[in-house]
């Protein structure tokens, strides 16, 4: 009798292990498939047309996902360390303004810097990246060197960067950008940049020392220090990368609409955090993957596009988005408690 009970118990344990071996990304992909099918069925019922088989709609979803997705890749790494970044949308706007001001055409009589027109594309691109990286360095330094909580440090940067973006051109948009610059945001270029960036940081997190340090800090900060990791330096590096990617998103955003505006990126940081949490990254740190974030970002894109397709008011879309965030966080907390019990 005891032998049969032991065999049954072993079978249950083996079954549980097999279930745990299923990648988190696979579960999230199944959720994405289910959501897409719901909108497809609803599309035929409500509007009598397909939601998934419209190439123009799918292209818009992918393009929207690409810009916020770049921010989400950086935010994923920040959250894995146990931090948070609320400044991404504002840093995007500031980077977009600076980059756009150096990408104006010489025919523009109202150029912000008349002596700095028709510059090679690399100049505004590098300027936008530098602004983003500098914001990230400031965030990381405040958190690592002064002990200010990430929420407060990045909240301060969010307000300051938005104010700087408005002050940079006295609140006026910066337009008439060169064709060489706007190419960065044209066609499938943003999608290629997004997927390439996701692949790079997937490899970096899973197969390099940088990734091992990032997960170690998020899993147990004190143990990471005792193991010889320069925690302060690594935190600065992680936040610098997040800022750099926000800057890249700003460059692409301004190139895509051929204009730099201080109001760009409002709420993008919340969308990025939502995608990261939906993608399986734990807000307590130490757990998360870039692949999950990419799928989480697509889920958000599909849902917002689907609601628009069905004619749901944007106000209700925001309510649903908030509910998704709360549900994802609640699910994460449940998983954490379950792991502790095991």
C-alpha atoms as a PDB file:
ATOM      1  CA  UNK A   1       0.000   0.000   0.000  1.00  0.00           C
ATOM      2  CA  UNK A   2       2.844   2.329   0.967  1.00  0.00           C
ATOM      3  CA  UNK A   3       4.628   1.517  -2.270  1.00  0.00           C
ATOM      4  CA  UNK A   4       1.592   2.453  -4.362  1.00  0.00           C
ATOM      5  CA  UNK A   5       1.201   5.738  -2.439  1.00  0.00           C
ATOM      6  CA  UNK A   6       4.860   6.551  -2.995  1.00  0.00           C
ATOM      7  CA  UNK A   7       4.519   5.806  -6.701  1.00  0.00           C
ATOM      8  CA  UNK A   8       1.454   8.035  -6.966  1.00  0.00           C
ATOM      9  CA  UNK A   9       3.233  10.803  -5.076  1.00  0.00           C
ATOM     10  CA  UNK A  10       6.283  10.475  -7.343  1.00  0.00           C
ATOM     11  CA  UNK A  11       4.038  10.647 -10.400  1.00  0.00           C
ATOM     12  CA  UNK A  12       2.440  13.842  -9.099  1.00  0.00           C
ATOM     13  CA  UNK A  13       5.838  15.413  -8.427  1.00  0.00           C
ATOM     14  CA  UNK A  14       7.054  14.410 -11.893  1.00  0.00           C
ATOM     15  CA  UNK A  15       3.908  15.847 -13.451  1.00  0.00           C
ATOM     16  CA  UNK A  16       4.354  19.100 -11.539  1.00  0.00           C
ATOM     17  CA  UNK A  17       7.958  19.339 -12.701  1.00  0.00           C
ATOM     18  CA  UNK A  18       6.904  18.784 -16.303  1.00  0.00           C
ATOM     19  CA  UNK A  19       4.347  21.571 -15.970  1.00  0.00           C
ATOM     20  CA  UNK A  20       6.956  23.895 -14.477  1.00  0.00           C
ATOM     21  CA  UNK A  21       9.294  23.168 -17.370  1.00  0.00           C
ATOM     22  CA  UNK A  22       6.821  24.775 -19.767  1.00  0.00           C
ATOM     23  CA  UNK A  23       8.408  28.170 -20.512  1.00  0.00           C
ATOM     24  CA  UNK A  24       6.640  31.222 -19.169  1.00  0.00           C
ATOM     25  CA  UNK A  25       6.688  32.666 -22.676  1.00  0.00           C
ATOM     26  CA  UNK A  26       4.633  29.710 -23.939  1.00  0.00           C
ATOM     27  CA  UNK A  27       1.876  30.378 -21.410  1.00  0.00           C
ATOM     28  CA  UNK A  28       1.846  34.080 -22.274  1.00  0.00           C
ATOM     29  CA  UNK A  29       1.757  33.257 -26.003  1.00  0.00           C
ATOM     30  CA  UNK A  30      -1.318  31.104 -25.401  1.00  0.00           C
ATOM     31  CA  UNK A  31      -2.967  34.054 -23.662  1.00  0.00           C
ATOM     32  CA  UNK A  32      -2.101  36.246 -26.662  1.00  0.00           C
ATOM     33  CA  UNK A  33      -3.640  33.699 -29.006  1.00  0.00           C
ATOM     34  CA  UNK A  34      -6.792  33.529 -26.912  1.00  0.00           C
ATOM     35  CA  UNK A  35      -7.173  37.330 -26.825  1.00  0.00           C
ATOM     36  CA  UNK A  36      -6.638  37.595 -30.588  1.00  0.00           C
ATOM     37  CA  UNK A  37      -9.276  34.924 -31.226  1.00  0.00           C
ATOM     38  CA  UNK A  38     -11.772  36.712 -28.955  1.00  0.00           C
ATOM     39  CA  UNK A  39     -11.359  39.923 -30.960  1.00  0.00           C
ATOM     40  CA  UNK A  40     -11.559  37.991 -34.220  1.00  0.00           C
ATOM     41  CA  UNK A  41     -14.887  36.426 -33.225  1.00  0.00           C
ATOM     42  CA  UNK A  42     -16.174  39.735 -31.834  1.00  0.00           C
ATOM     43  CA  UNK A  43     -15.148  41.468 -35.073  1.00  0.00           C
ATOM     44  CA  UNK A  44     -17.312  39.164 -37.175  1.00  0.00           C
ATOM     45  CA  UNK A  45     -20.248  39.474 -34.752  1.00  0.00           C
ATOM     46  CA  UNK A  46     -20.126  43.255 -34.224  1.00  0.00           C
ATOM     47  CA  UNK A  47     -18.735  44.544 -37.517  1.00  0.00           C
ATOM     48  CA  UNK A  48     -18.970  41.622 -39.883  1.00  0.00           C
ATOM     49  CA  UNK A  49     -15.269  41.730 -40.740  1.00  0.00           C
ATOM     50  CA  UNK A  50     -11.991  40.159 -39.677  1.00  0.00           C
ATOM     51  CA  UNK A  51      -9.731  41.681 -37.042  1.00  0.00           C
ATOM     52  CA  UNK A  52      -6.628  39.559 -37.689  1.00  0.00           C
ATOM     53  CA  UNK A  53      -6.670  39.437 -41.489  1.00  0.00           C
ATOM     54  CA  UNK A  54      -6.240  43.179 -42.040  1.00  0.00           C
ATOM     55  CA  UNK A  55      -2.570  43.864 -42.996  1.00  0.00           C
ATOM     56  CA  UNK A  56      -2.833  47.608 -42.356  1.00  0.00           C
ATOM     57  CA  UNK A  57      -4.156  47.064 -38.835  1.00  0.00           C
ATOM     58  CA  UNK A  58      -1.474  44.518 -38.008  1.00  0.00           C
ATOM     59  CA  UNK A  59       1.223  46.885 -39.307  1.00  0.00           C
ATOM     60  CA  UNK A  60      -0.065  49.689 -37.078  1.00  0.00           C
ATOM     61  CA  UNK A  61      -0.044  47.350 -34.058  1.00  0.00           C
ATOM     62  CA  UNK A  62       3.529  46.266 -34.738  1.00  0.00           C
ATOM     63  CA  UNK A  63       4.743  49.846 -35.220  1.00  0.00           C
ATOM     64  CA  UNK A  64       3.087  51.036 -32.004  1.00  0.00           C
ATOM     65  CA  UNK A  65       4.491  48.079 -30.114  1.00  0.00           C
ATOM     66  CA  UNK A  66       7.992  48.712 -31.439  1.00  0.00           C
ATOM     67  CA  UNK A  67       8.462  52.169 -29.921  1.00  0.00           C
ATOM     68  CA  UNK A  68       7.038  51.398 -26.478  1.00  0.00           C
ATOM     69  CA  UNK A  69       8.677  47.976 -26.701  1.00  0.00           C
ATOM     70  CA  UNK A  70      12.142  49.562 -26.770  1.00  0.00           C
ATOM     71  CA  UNK A  71      11.332  51.253 -23.472  1.00  0.00           C
ATOM     72  CA  UNK A  72       9.939  47.983 -22.095  1.00  0.00           C
ATOM     73  CA  UNK A  73      13.205  46.156 -22.862  1.00  0.00           C
ATOM     74  CA  UNK A  74      15.073  48.617 -20.657  1.00  0.00           C
ATOM     75  CA  UNK A  75      12.393  48.594 -17.968  1.00  0.00           C
ATOM     76  CA  UNK A  76      12.533  44.781 -17.878  1.00  0.00           C
ATOM     77  CA  UNK A  77      16.167  44.891 -16.819  1.00  0.00           C
ATOM     78  CA  UNK A  78      15.478  47.580 -14.230  1.00  0.00           C
ATOM     79  CA  UNK A  79      12.621  45.594 -12.678  1.00  0.00           C
ATOM     80  CA  UNK A  80      14.691  42.399 -12.639  1.00  0.00           C
ATOM     81  CA  UNK A  81      17.134  44.239 -10.340  1.00  0.00           C
ATOM     82  CA  UNK A  82      14.215  45.062  -8.044  1.00  0.00           C
ATOM     83  CA  UNK A  83      13.888  48.672  -9.230  1.00  0.00           C
ATOM     84  CA  UNK A  84      11.411  50.690 -11.255  1.00  0.00           C
ATOM     85  CA  UNK A  85      11.650  53.432 -13.878  1.00  0.00           C
ATOM     86  CA  UNK A  86       8.864  55.995 -14.148  1.00  0.00           C
ATOM     87  CA  UNK A  87      10.854  58.466 -16.237  1.00  0.00           C
ATOM     88  CA  UNK A  88      10.936  56.631 -19.587  1.00  0.00           C
ATOM     89  CA  UNK A  89       8.164  58.587 -21.316  1.00  0.00           C
ATOM     90  CA  UNK A  90       9.602  61.952 -20.298  1.00  0.00           C
ATOM     91  CA  UNK A  91      13.137  60.940 -21.264  1.00  0.00           C
ATOM     92  CA  UNK A  92      11.735  59.890 -24.649  1.00  0.00           C
ATOM     93  CA  UNK A  93      10.269  63.378 -25.115  1.00  0.00           C
ATOM     94  CA  UNK A  94      13.471  65.170 -24.124  1.00  0.00           C
ATOM     95  CA  UNK A  95      15.587  62.958 -26.372  1.00  0.00           C
ATOM     96  CA  UNK A  96      13.157  63.485 -29.244  1.00  0.00           C
ATOM     97  CA  UNK A  97      13.369  67.270 -28.851  1.00  0.00           C
ATOM     98  CA  UNK A  98      17.160  67.357 -28.754  1.00  0.00           C
ATOM     99  CA  UNK A  99      17.532  64.954 -31.683  1.00  0.00           C
ATOM    100  CA  UNK A 100      14.931  66.777 -33.770  1.00  0.00           C
ATOM    101  CA  UNK A 101      16.612  70.147 -33.151  1.00  0.00           C
ATOM    102  CA  UNK A 102      19.777  68.782 -34.763  1.00  0.00           C
ATOM    103  CA  UNK A 103      17.942  67.136 -37.660  1.00  0.00           C
ATOM    104  CA  UNK A 104      16.230  70.172 -39.157  1.00  0.00           C
ATOM    105  CA  UNK A 105      16.454  70.969 -42.840  1.00  0.00           C
ATOM    106  CA  UNK A 106      18.361  74.078 -43.982  1.00  0.00           C
ATOM    107  CA  UNK A 107      15.240  75.264 -45.824  1.00  0.00           C
ATOM    108  CA  UNK A 108      13.491  75.687 -42.487  1.00  0.00           C
ATOM    109  CA  UNK A 109      13.395  79.431 -41.793  1.00  0.00           C
ATOM    110  CA  UNK A 110      12.362  78.732 -38.180  1.00  0.00           C
ATOM    111  CA  UNK A 111      15.084  76.237 -37.368  1.00  0.00           C
ATOM    112  CA  UNK A 112      15.928  76.199 -33.663  1.00  0.00           C
ATOM    113  CA  UNK A 113      19.664  76.255 -34.445  1.00  0.00           C
ATOM    114  CA  UNK A 114      20.125  77.731 -37.947  1.00  0.00           C
ATOM    115  CA  UNK A 115      23.862  77.020 -37.893  1.00  0.00           C
ATOM    116  CA  UNK A 116      23.266  73.339 -37.129  1.00  0.00           C
ATOM    117  CA  UNK A 117      21.026  72.271 -40.017  1.00  0.00           C
ATOM    118  CA  UNK A 118      21.561  69.527 -42.597  1.00  0.00           C
ATOM    119  CA  UNK A 119      23.805  67.594 -40.219  1.00  0.00           C
ATOM    120  CA  UNK A 120      24.611  63.929 -40.956  1.00  0.00           C
ATOM    121  CA  UNK A 121      21.982  61.550 -39.558  1.00  0.00           C
ATOM    122  CA  UNK A 122      24.439  60.148 -37.037  1.00  0.00           C
ATOM    123  CA  UNK A 123      24.653  63.488 -35.186  1.00  0.00           C
ATOM    124  CA  UNK A 124      21.005  63.816 -34.056  1.00  0.00           C
ATOM    125  CA  UNK A 125      20.867  60.054 -33.506  1.00  0.00           C
ATOM    126  CA  UNK A 126      23.848  60.094 -31.151  1.00  0.00           C
ATOM    127  CA  UNK A 127      22.567  63.249 -29.442  1.00  0.00           C
ATOM    128  CA  UNK A 128      19.237  61.585 -28.665  1.00  0.00           C
ATOM    129  CA  UNK A 129      20.949  58.452 -27.357  1.00  0.00           C
ATOM    130  CA  UNK A 130      23.329  60.535 -25.239  1.00  0.00           C
ATOM    131  CA  UNK A 131      20.489  62.478 -23.625  1.00  0.00           C
ATOM    132  CA  UNK A 132      18.701  59.224 -22.765  1.00  0.00           C
ATOM    133  CA  UNK A 133      21.845  57.586 -21.406  1.00  0.00           C
ATOM    134  CA  UNK A 134      22.662  60.660 -19.302  1.00  0.00           C
ATOM    135  CA  UNK A 135      19.190  60.602 -17.762  1.00  0.00           C
ATOM    136  CA  UNK A 136      19.707  56.932 -16.976  1.00  0.00           C
ATOM    137  CA  UNK A 137      23.107  57.618 -15.384  1.00  0.00           C
ATOM    138  CA  UNK A 138      21.512  60.264 -13.153  1.00  0.00           C
ATOM    139  CA  UNK A 139      18.715  57.874 -12.166  1.00  0.00           C
ATOM    140  CA  UNK A 140      21.124  55.047 -11.401  1.00  0.00           C
ATOM    141  CA  UNK A 141      23.546  57.265  -9.503  1.00  0.00           C
ATOM    142  CA  UNK A 142      20.810  58.711  -7.305  1.00  0.00           C
ATOM    143  CA  UNK A 143      19.553  55.230  -6.479  1.00  0.00           C
ATOM    144  CA  UNK A 144      22.940  53.554  -5.997  1.00  0.00           C
ATOM    145  CA  UNK A 145      24.916  56.341  -4.331  1.00  0.00           C
ATOM    146  CA  UNK A 146      22.323  58.098  -2.159  1.00  0.00           C
ATOM    147  CA  UNK A 147      19.904  55.297  -1.331  1.00  0.00           C
ATOM    148  CA  UNK A 148      16.925  57.224  -2.719  1.00  0.00           C
ATOM    149  CA  UNK A 149      14.193  54.683  -3.598  1.00  0.00           C
ATOM    150  CA  UNK A 150      13.910  54.033  -7.349  1.00  0.00           C
ATOM    151  CA  UNK A 151      10.283  55.179  -7.330  1.00  0.00           C
ATOM    152  CA  UNK A 152      11.226  58.637  -5.989  1.00  0.00           C
ATOM    153  CA  UNK A 153      14.402  59.069  -8.065  1.00  0.00           C
ATOM    154  CA  UNK A 154      12.740  58.219 -11.362  1.00  0.00           C
ATOM    155  CA  UNK A 155       9.598  60.165 -10.454  1.00  0.00           C
ATOM    156  CA  UNK A 156      11.807  63.236 -10.033  1.00  0.00           C
ATOM    157  CA  UNK A 157      13.422  62.562 -13.404  1.00  0.00           C
ATOM    158  CA  UNK A 158      10.003  62.113 -14.996  1.00  0.00           C
ATOM    159  CA  UNK A 159       8.931  65.611 -13.909  1.00  0.00           C
ATOM    160  CA  UNK A 160      12.292  67.260 -14.624  1.00  0.00           C
ATOM    161  CA  UNK A 161      12.787  65.715 -18.080  1.00  0.00           C
ATOM    162  CA  UNK A 162       9.284  66.710 -19.159  1.00  0.00           C
ATOM    163  CA  UNK A 163       9.922  70.263 -17.975  1.00  0.00           C
ATOM    164  CA  UNK A 164      13.250  70.387 -19.823  1.00  0.00           C
ATOM    165  CA  UNK A 165      11.558  69.117 -22.981  1.00  0.00           C
ATOM    166  CA  UNK A 166       9.068  71.992 -22.806  1.00  0.00           C
ATOM    167  CA  UNK A 167      11.736  74.579 -21.985  1.00  0.00           C
ATOM    168  CA  UNK A 168      14.083  73.412 -24.742  1.00  0.00           C
ATOM    169  CA  UNK A 169      12.028  75.069 -27.490  1.00  0.00           C
ATOM    170  CA  UNK A 170       9.742  77.230 -25.340  1.00  0.00           C
ATOM    171  CA  UNK A 171       6.970  74.694 -25.747  1.00  0.00           C
ATOM    172  CA  UNK A 172       7.011  74.872 -29.533  1.00  0.00           C
ATOM    173  CA  UNK A 173       7.236  71.721 -31.698  1.00  0.00           C
ATOM    174  CA  UNK A 174      10.382  71.206 -33.768  1.00  0.00           C
ATOM    175  CA  UNK A 175       9.460  70.266 -37.333  1.00  0.00           C
ATOM    176  CA  UNK A 176      10.699  70.137 -40.955  1.00  0.00           C
ATOM    177  CA  UNK A 177      13.274  67.429 -40.317  1.00  0.00           C
ATOM    178  CA  UNK A 178      15.651  66.106 -42.969  1.00  0.00           C
ATOM    179  CA  UNK A 179      14.731  63.059 -45.035  1.00  0.00           C
ATOM    180  CA  UNK A 180      17.896  61.273 -43.912  1.00  0.00           C
ATOM    181  CA  UNK A 181      16.729  61.497 -40.313  1.00  0.00           C
ATOM    182  CA  UNK A 182      13.072  60.616 -40.888  1.00  0.00           C
ATOM    183  CA  UNK A 183      14.209  57.394 -42.584  1.00  0.00           C
ATOM    184  CA  UNK A 184      14.856  55.995 -39.091  1.00  0.00           C
ATOM    185  CA  UNK A 185      11.125  55.983 -38.417  1.00  0.00           C
ATOM    186  CA  UNK A 186       9.918  54.940 -41.848  1.00  0.00           C
ATOM    187  CA  UNK A 187       8.546  51.606 -43.031  1.00  0.00           C
ATOM    188  CA  UNK A 188       9.621  48.542 -41.107  1.00  0.00           C
ATOM    189  CA  UNK A 189      12.782  50.175 -39.702  1.00  0.00           C
ATOM    190  CA  UNK A 190      11.359  50.654 -36.153  1.00  0.00           C
ATOM    191  CA  UNK A 191      10.248  47.021 -36.085  1.00  0.00           C
ATOM    192  CA  UNK A 192      13.688  45.791 -37.166  1.00  0.00           C
ATOM    193  CA  UNK A 193      15.378  47.959 -34.529  1.00  0.00           C
ATOM    194  CA  UNK A 194      12.989  46.707 -31.843  1.00  0.00           C
ATOM    195  CA  UNK A 195      13.414  43.016 -32.665  1.00  0.00           C
ATOM    196  CA  UNK A 196      17.186  43.380 -33.020  1.00  0.00           C
ATOM    197  CA  UNK A 197      17.406  45.144 -29.654  1.00  0.00           C
ATOM    198  CA  UNK A 198      15.222  42.486 -28.028  1.00  0.00           C
ATOM    199  CA  UNK A 199      17.477  39.735 -29.375  1.00  0.00           C
ATOM    200  CA  UNK A 200      20.638  41.472 -28.158  1.00  0.00           C
ATOM    201  CA  UNK A 201      19.378  41.893 -24.608  1.00  0.00           C
ATOM    202  CA  UNK A 202      17.817  38.428 -24.529  1.00  0.00           C
ATOM    203  CA  UNK A 203      21.282  37.026 -25.161  1.00  0.00           C
ATOM    204  CA  UNK A 204      22.889  39.486 -22.736  1.00  0.00           C
ATOM    205  CA  UNK A 205      20.552  38.542 -19.889  1.00  0.00           C
ATOM    206  CA  UNK A 206      20.618  34.800 -20.446  1.00  0.00           C
ATOM    207  CA  UNK A 207      24.205  34.140 -21.477  1.00  0.00           C
ATOM    208  CA  UNK A 208      26.554  36.847 -20.156  1.00  0.00           C
ATOM    209  CA  UNK A 209      27.974  37.981 -16.837  1.00  0.00           C
ATOM    210  CA  UNK A 210      25.926  41.154 -17.156  1.00  0.00           C
ATOM    211  CA  UNK A 211      22.752  39.075 -17.041  1.00  0.00           C
ATOM    212  CA  UNK A 212      23.947  36.937 -14.145  1.00  0.00           C
ATOM    213  CA  UNK A 213      24.718  40.042 -12.102  1.00  0.00           C
ATOM    214  CA  UNK A 214      21.344  41.589 -12.970  1.00  0.00           C
ATOM    215  CA  UNK A 215      19.401  38.544 -11.794  1.00  0.00           C
ATOM    216  CA  UNK A 216      21.599  38.120  -8.719  1.00  0.00           C
ATOM    217  CA  UNK A 217      20.987  41.692  -7.546  1.00  0.00           C
ATOM    218  CA  UNK A 218      17.236  41.303  -7.957  1.00  0.00           C
ATOM    219  CA  UNK A 219      17.125  37.921  -6.242  1.00  0.00           C
ATOM    220  CA  UNK A 220      19.161  38.905  -3.169  1.00  0.00           C
ATOM    221  CA  UNK A 221      20.932  42.253  -2.959  1.00  0.00           C
ATOM    222  CA  UNK A 222      23.038  41.441   0.107  1.00  0.00           C
ATOM    223  CA  UNK A 223      24.103  38.062  -1.249  1.00  0.00           C
ATOM    224  CA  UNK A 224      25.122  39.774  -4.490  1.00  0.00           C
ATOM    225  CA  UNK A 225      27.330  42.202  -2.544  1.00  0.00           C
ATOM    226  CA  UNK A 226      28.911  39.375  -0.543  1.00  0.00           C
ATOM    227  CA  UNK A 227      29.640  37.440  -3.733  1.00  0.00           C
ATOM    228  CA  UNK A 228      31.825  40.294  -4.975  1.00  0.00           C
ATOM    229  CA  UNK A 229      29.448  42.032  -7.383  1.00  0.00           C
ATOM    230  CA  UNK A 230      29.910  45.804  -7.576  1.00  0.00           C
ATOM    231  CA  UNK A 231      26.213  46.395  -7.009  1.00  0.00           C
ATOM    232  CA  UNK A 232      26.276  50.197  -7.229  1.00  0.00           C
ATOM    233  CA  UNK A 233      28.140  50.219 -10.515  1.00  0.00           C
ATOM    234  CA  UNK A 234      25.877  47.564 -12.013  1.00  0.00           C
ATOM    235  CA  UNK A 235      22.712  49.406 -11.005  1.00  0.00           C
ATOM    236  CA  UNK A 236      24.037  52.541 -12.721  1.00  0.00           C
ATOM    237  CA  UNK A 237      24.761  50.494 -15.853  1.00  0.00           C
ATOM    238  CA  UNK A 238      21.253  48.977 -15.882  1.00  0.00           C
ATOM    239  CA  UNK A 239      19.532  52.348 -15.508  1.00  0.00           C
ATOM    240  CA  UNK A 240      21.860  53.842 -18.122  1.00  0.00           C
ATOM    241  CA  UNK A 241      20.789  51.152 -20.595  1.00  0.00           C
ATOM    242  CA  UNK A 242      17.131  51.833 -19.783  1.00  0.00           C
ATOM    243  CA  UNK A 243      17.714  55.545 -20.428  1.00  0.00           C
ATOM    244  CA  UNK A 244      19.601  54.799 -23.636  1.00  0.00           C
ATOM    245  CA  UNK A 245      16.701  52.724 -24.963  1.00  0.00           C
ATOM    246  CA  UNK A 246      14.225  55.452 -23.997  1.00  0.00           C
ATOM    247  CA  UNK A 247      16.430  57.863 -25.950  1.00  0.00           C
ATOM    248  CA  UNK A 248      16.399  55.529 -28.942  1.00  0.00           C
ATOM    249  CA  UNK A 249      12.612  55.350 -28.712  1.00  0.00           C
ATOM    250  CA  UNK A 250      12.548  59.156 -28.703  1.00  0.00           C
ATOM    251  CA  UNK A 251      14.681  59.341 -31.834  1.00  0.00           C
ATOM    252  CA  UNK A 252      12.439  56.865 -33.661  1.00  0.00           C
ATOM    253  CA  UNK A 253       9.265  58.633 -32.472  1.00  0.00           C
ATOM    254  CA  UNK A 254      10.422  62.025 -33.736  1.00  0.00           C
ATOM    255  CA  UNK A 255      11.664  60.519 -37.008  1.00  0.00           C
ATOM    256  CA  UNK A 256       8.394  58.695 -37.531  1.00  0.00           C
ATOM    257  CA  UNK A 257       6.239  61.840 -37.261  1.00  0.00           C
ATOM    258  CA  UNK A 258       8.974  64.186 -38.596  1.00  0.00           C
ATOM    259  CA  UNK A 259       8.637  66.349 -35.510  1.00  0.00           C
ATOM    260  CA  UNK A 260       9.856  66.706 -31.949  1.00  0.00           C
ATOM    261  CA  UNK A 261       7.163  67.569 -29.382  1.00  0.00           C
ATOM    262  CA  UNK A 262       7.362  67.991 -25.628  1.00  0.00           C
ATOM    263  CA  UNK A 263       4.127  66.023 -25.190  1.00  0.00           C
ATOM    264  CA  UNK A 264       5.540  62.851 -26.712  1.00  0.00           C
ATOM    265  CA  UNK A 265       5.604  59.666 -24.679  1.00  0.00           C
ATOM    266  CA  UNK A 266       3.007  60.597 -22.061  1.00  0.00           C
ATOM    267  CA  UNK A 267       2.011  57.382 -20.291  1.00  0.00           C
ATOM    268  CA  UNK A 268       4.525  55.257 -22.202  1.00  0.00           C
ATOM    269  CA  UNK A 269       6.296  54.303 -18.981  1.00  0.00           C
ATOM    270  CA  UNK A 270       3.056  52.796 -17.659  1.00  0.00           C
ATOM    271  CA  UNK A 271       2.488  50.878 -20.888  1.00  0.00           C
ATOM    272  CA  UNK A 272       6.050  49.563 -20.686  1.00  0.00           C
ATOM    273  CA  UNK A 273       5.673  48.485 -17.063  1.00  0.00           C
ATOM    274  CA  UNK A 274       2.357  46.830 -17.917  1.00  0.00           C
ATOM    275  CA  UNK A 275       3.963  44.854 -20.750  1.00  0.00           C
ATOM    276  CA  UNK A 276       6.854  43.811 -18.515  1.00  0.00           C
ATOM    277  CA  UNK A 277       4.560  42.541 -15.745  1.00  0.00           C
ATOM    278  CA  UNK A 278       2.197  40.830 -18.191  1.00  0.00           C
ATOM    279  CA  UNK A 279       5.283  39.199 -19.705  1.00  0.00           C
ATOM    280  CA  UNK A 280       6.084  37.440 -16.443  1.00  0.00           C
ATOM    281  CA  UNK A 281       8.719  39.705 -14.889  1.00  0.00           C
ATOM    282  CA  UNK A 282       8.321  39.844 -11.120  1.00  0.00           C
ATOM    283  CA  UNK A 283       8.074  43.262  -9.479  1.00  0.00           C
ATOM    284  CA  UNK A 284       9.981  41.839  -6.523  1.00  0.00           C
ATOM    285  CA  UNK A 285      13.015  41.306  -8.750  1.00  0.00           C
ATOM    286  CA  UNK A 286      15.135  38.366  -9.844  1.00  0.00           C
ATOM    287  CA  UNK A 287      12.670  36.927 -12.374  1.00  0.00           C
ATOM    288  CA  UNK A 288      11.939  37.958 -15.948  1.00  0.00           C
ATOM    289  CA  UNK A 289      12.758  37.476 -19.629  1.00  0.00           C
ATOM    290  CA  UNK A 290      12.897  39.723 -22.646  1.00  0.00           C
ATOM    291  CA  UNK A 291      10.847  37.222 -24.678  1.00  0.00           C
ATOM    292  CA  UNK A 292       7.995  37.495 -22.200  1.00  0.00           C
ATOM    293  CA  UNK A 293       8.138  41.283 -22.378  1.00  0.00           C
ATOM    294  CA  UNK A 294       7.917  41.223 -26.181  1.00  0.00           C
ATOM    295  CA  UNK A 295       4.812  39.014 -26.034  1.00  0.00           C
ATOM    296  CA  UNK A 296       3.349  41.149 -23.249  1.00  0.00           C
ATOM    297  CA  UNK A 297       3.839  44.236 -25.389  1.00  0.00           C
ATOM    298  CA  UNK A 298       2.058  42.574 -28.300  1.00  0.00           C
ATOM    299  CA  UNK A 299      -0.817  41.600 -25.992  1.00  0.00           C
ATOM    300  CA  UNK A 300      -1.283  45.248 -25.017  1.00  0.00           C
ATOM    301  CA  UNK A 301      -1.095  46.332 -28.648  1.00  0.00           C
ATOM    302  CA  UNK A 302      -3.641  43.761 -29.753  1.00  0.00           C
ATOM    303  CA  UNK A 303      -6.015  44.657 -26.932  1.00  0.00           C
ATOM    304  CA  UNK A 304      -5.918  48.425 -27.523  1.00  0.00           C
ATOM    305  CA  UNK A 305      -6.255  47.979 -31.287  1.00  0.00           C
ATOM    306  CA  UNK A 306      -9.033  45.452 -30.760  1.00  0.00           C
ATOM    307  CA  UNK A 307     -11.026  47.785 -28.537  1.00  0.00           C
ATOM    308  CA  UNK A 308     -10.631  50.590 -31.077  1.00  0.00           C
ATOM    309  CA  UNK A 309     -11.723  48.196 -33.820  1.00  0.00           C
ATOM    310  CA  UNK A 310     -14.867  47.375 -31.852  1.00  0.00           C
ATOM    311  CA  UNK A 311     -15.577  51.043 -31.150  1.00  0.00           C
ATOM    312  CA  UNK A 312     -14.916  50.930 -27.411  1.00  0.00           C
ATOM    313  CA  UNK A 313     -14.381  54.423 -25.979  1.00  0.00           C
ATOM    314  CA  UNK A 314     -10.776  55.270 -25.041  1.00  0.00           C
ATOM    315  CA  UNK A 315     -11.863  55.999 -21.464  1.00  0.00           C
ATOM    316  CA  UNK A 316     -12.940  52.394 -21.006  1.00  0.00           C
ATOM    317  CA  UNK A 317      -9.728  51.229 -22.669  1.00  0.00           C
ATOM    318  CA  UNK A 318      -7.742  52.949 -19.905  1.00  0.00           C
ATOM    319  CA  UNK A 319      -9.940  51.293 -17.268  1.00  0.00           C
ATOM    320  CA  UNK A 320      -9.272  47.879 -18.815  1.00  0.00           C
ATOM    321  CA  UNK A 321      -5.546  48.615 -19.017  1.00  0.00           C
ATOM    322  CA  UNK A 322      -5.510  49.476 -15.305  1.00  0.00           C
ATOM    323  CA  UNK A 323      -7.383  46.275 -14.487  1.00  0.00           C
ATOM    324  CA  UNK A 324      -4.843  44.296 -16.513  1.00  0.00           C
ATOM    325  CA  UNK A 325      -1.960  45.803 -14.532  1.00  0.00           C
ATOM    326  CA  UNK A 326      -3.602  45.010 -11.190  1.00  0.00           C
ATOM    327  CA  UNK A 327      -4.435  41.463 -12.313  1.00  0.00           C
ATOM    328  CA  UNK A 328      -0.898  40.851 -13.571  1.00  0.00           C
ATOM    329  CA  UNK A 329       0.648  42.133 -10.333  1.00  0.00           C
ATOM    330  CA  UNK A 330      -1.806  40.103  -8.253  1.00  0.00           C
ATOM    331  CA  UNK A 331      -0.925  36.979 -10.249  1.00  0.00           C
ATOM    332  CA  UNK A 332       2.773  37.665  -9.712  1.00  0.00           C
ATOM    333  CA  UNK A 333       2.294  38.044  -5.940  1.00  0.00           C
ATOM    334  CA  UNK A 334       0.324  34.789  -5.876  1.00  0.00           C
ATOM    335  CA  UNK A 335       3.161  32.994  -7.694  1.00  0.00           C
ATOM    336  CA  UNK A 336       5.692  34.400  -5.252  1.00  0.00           C
ATOM    337  CA  UNK A 337       3.726  33.183  -2.229  1.00  0.00           C
ATOM    338  CA  UNK A 338       3.322  29.773  -3.820  1.00  0.00           C
ATOM    339  CA  UNK A 339       7.077  29.489  -4.419  1.00  0.00           C
ATOM    340  CA  UNK A 340       7.813  30.393  -0.792  1.00  0.00           C
ATOM    341  CA  UNK A 341       5.452  27.686   0.454  1.00  0.00           C
ATOM    342  CA  UNK A 342       7.174  25.094  -1.751  1.00  0.00           C
END
